[in-house]
Amino acid sequence: QVQLVESGGGLVQAGGSLRLSCVVSGSIFSINAMGWFRQAPGKEREFAAVISRNGVRTGYADSVKGRFTISRDNAKNTVYLQMNSLKPEDTAVYSCAADTSPLRIGVRPAEYEYWGQGIQVTVSS
């Protein structure tokens, strides 16, 4: 089993920054790609960013590209999402997710086996 715990969310003004963290515990040897997803009220969960096991490959949704940066520190079993130039439309519950499939860099929620509980990010205008 794998457990994921997010932290770092909160309320920020438009144009501000936040850094989300996701600590992974349990059977971490099985984890390959890690992703961040978000879900706004009344909307479906959507992909935000993904990073490969070694951190070399990353991917971003068009809506966050150039503003968000995903990174991971495998020594600390932690994945980060640095969010800059935040906009009110970034308001959502953000969740980290873990994929055990080798080599896959998934962008769909169904490709991830393990999920954190989610954390609220609210951007005021």
Protein backbone atom coordinates (compact mmCIF):
# COMPACT_ATOMS: atom_id res chain seq x y z
CA GLN A 1 0.00 0.00 0.00
CA VAL A 2 0.97 3.59 -0.62
CA GLN A 3 -0.14 6.65 1.30
CA LEU A 4 -0.01 10.19 -0.04
CA VAL A 5 -0.42 13.31 2.09
CA GLU A 6 -0.62 16.80 0.59
CA SER A 7 0.19 20.07 2.32
CA GLY A 8 0.77 23.71 1.44
CA GLY A 9 -2.64 24.76 0.21
CA GLY A 10 -4.53 27.84 1.32
CA LEU A 11 -5.83 31.24 0.27
CA VAL A 12 -3.76 33.54 -1.92
CA GLN A 13 -4.42 36.65 -3.96
CA ALA A 14 -4.31 36.58 -7.74
CA GLY A 15 -0.73 36.87 -8.94
CA GLY A 16 0.61 35.17 -5.84
CA SER A 17 2.38 31.85 -5.34
CA LEU A 18 1.96 28.64 -3.40
CA ARG A 19 3.99 25.46 -3.18
CA LEU A 20 2.21 22.20 -2.64
CA SER A 21 3.98 19.17 -1.21
CA CYS A 22 3.02 15.52 -1.35
CA VAL A 23 4.76 13.07 0.97
CA VAL A 24 4.68 9.44 -0.09
CA SER A 25 4.93 6.56 2.38
CA GLY A 26 4.43 2.81 2.32
CA SER A 27 5.49 0.70 -0.66
CA ILE A 28 7.38 3.54 -2.30
CA PHE A 29 9.57 1.18 -4.33
CA SER A 30 6.57 0.50 -6.55
CA ILE A 31 5.99 4.14 -7.47
CA ASN A 32 6.99 5.48 -10.88
CA ALA A 33 5.32 8.63 -12.23
CA MET A 34 3.68 11.10 -9.88
CA GLY A 35 0.98 13.53 -10.92
CA TRP A 36 -0.98 16.50 -9.67
CA PHE A 37 -4.65 16.84 -10.52
CA ARG A 38 -7.25 19.40 -9.57
CA GLN A 39 -11.01 19.58 -9.29
CA ALA A 40 -13.00 22.80 -9.17
CA PRO A 41 -16.57 22.89 -7.83
CA GLY A 42 -19.00 21.45 -10.33
CA LYS A 43 -16.25 20.29 -12.66
CA GLU A 44 -14.50 17.04 -13.38
CA ARG A 45 -11.04 16.28 -12.06
CA GLU A 46 -8.41 17.52 -14.50
CA PHE A 47 -4.74 16.91 -15.07
CA ALA A 48 -2.28 19.60 -14.00
CA ALA A 49 1.26 18.15 -14.06
CA VAL A 50 3.21 14.90 -14.09
CA ILE A 51 6.80 13.88 -13.41
CA SER A 52 8.67 10.67 -14.17
CA ARG A 53 10.33 8.51 -11.55
CA ASN A 54 13.78 10.03 -12.10
CA GLY A 55 12.42 13.55 -12.55
CA VAL A 56 13.77 13.92 -16.07
CA ARG A 57 10.43 13.92 -17.86
CA THR A 58 7.65 16.32 -16.97
CA GLY A 59 4.36 17.29 -18.52
CA TYR A 60 1.86 20.09 -17.96
CA ALA A 61 -1.67 21.00 -18.88
CA ASP A 62 -1.82 23.96 -21.25
CA SER A 63 -3.70 25.93 -18.61
CA VAL A 64 -0.75 25.83 -16.18
CA LYS A 65 2.23 25.61 -18.51
CA GLY A 66 4.75 28.35 -17.80
CA ARG A 67 3.27 29.06 -14.37
CA PHE A 68 3.46 25.73 -12.51
CA THR A 69 6.54 23.58 -11.96
CA ILE A 70 6.50 19.99 -10.75
CA SER A 71 9.53 18.46 -9.07
CA ARG A 72 10.38 15.54 -6.82
CA ASP A 73 12.95 14.68 -4.19
CA ASN A 74 13.13 10.91 -4.05
CA ALA A 75 15.41 11.01 -1.01
CA LYS A 76 12.58 12.72 0.88
CA ASN A 77 9.80 10.77 -0.86
CA THR A 78 8.19 14.09 -1.74
CA VAL A 79 6.71 15.63 -4.87
CA TYR A 80 6.21 19.38 -5.17
CA LEU A 81 4.05 21.66 -7.26
CA GLN A 82 5.28 25.24 -7.37
CA MET A 83 2.43 27.47 -8.51
CA ASN A 84 3.21 31.02 -9.61
CA SER A 85 1.12 33.79 -11.14
CA LEU A 86 -1.99 32.20 -9.70
CA LYS A 87 -5.37 33.08 -11.18
CA PRO A 88 -8.87 32.80 -9.70
CA GLU A 89 -9.56 29.99 -12.17
CA ASP A 90 -6.83 27.96 -10.47
CA THR A 91 -9.11 27.63 -7.45
CA ALA A 92 -9.70 23.92 -6.85
CA VAL A 93 -8.95 20.95 -4.66
CA TYR A 94 -5.51 19.72 -5.65
CA SER A 95 -4.59 16.05 -5.29
CA CYS A 96 -1.36 14.19 -5.85
CA ALA A 97 -1.43 10.73 -7.37
CA ALA A 98 0.99 7.84 -7.83
CA ASP A 99 1.32 5.46 -10.75
CA THR A 100 3.06 2.08 -10.51
CA SER A 101 3.17 1.39 -14.24
CA PRO A 102 6.75 1.42 -15.58
CA LEU A 103 7.62 4.14 -18.09
CA ARG A 104 4.11 5.60 -18.29
CA ILE A 105 3.67 9.36 -17.95
CA GLY A 106 -0.06 9.49 -17.48
CA VAL A 107 -2.39 12.45 -17.82
CA ARG A 108 -5.65 10.65 -17.06
CA PRO A 109 -6.89 10.02 -13.50
CA ALA A 110 -7.65 6.39 -14.36
CA GLU A 111 -3.92 5.78 -14.91
CA TYR A 112 -3.10 6.40 -11.25
CA GLU A 113 -3.56 3.81 -8.52
CA TYR A 114 -3.02 5.87 -5.39
CA TRP A 115 -4.38 9.25 -4.38
CA GLY A 116 -3.98 11.76 -1.60
CA GLN A 117 -6.96 13.20 0.20
CA GLY A 118 -6.68 16.53 -1.61
CA ILE A 119 -6.01 20.05 -0.42
CA GLN A 120 -7.87 23.28 -1.10
CA VAL A 121 -6.28 26.11 -3.06
CA THR A 122 -8.29 29.32 -3.28
CA VAL A 123 -7.18 32.28 -5.38
CA SER A 124 -8.99 35.54 -4.74
CA SER A 125 -9.34 38.26 -7.35
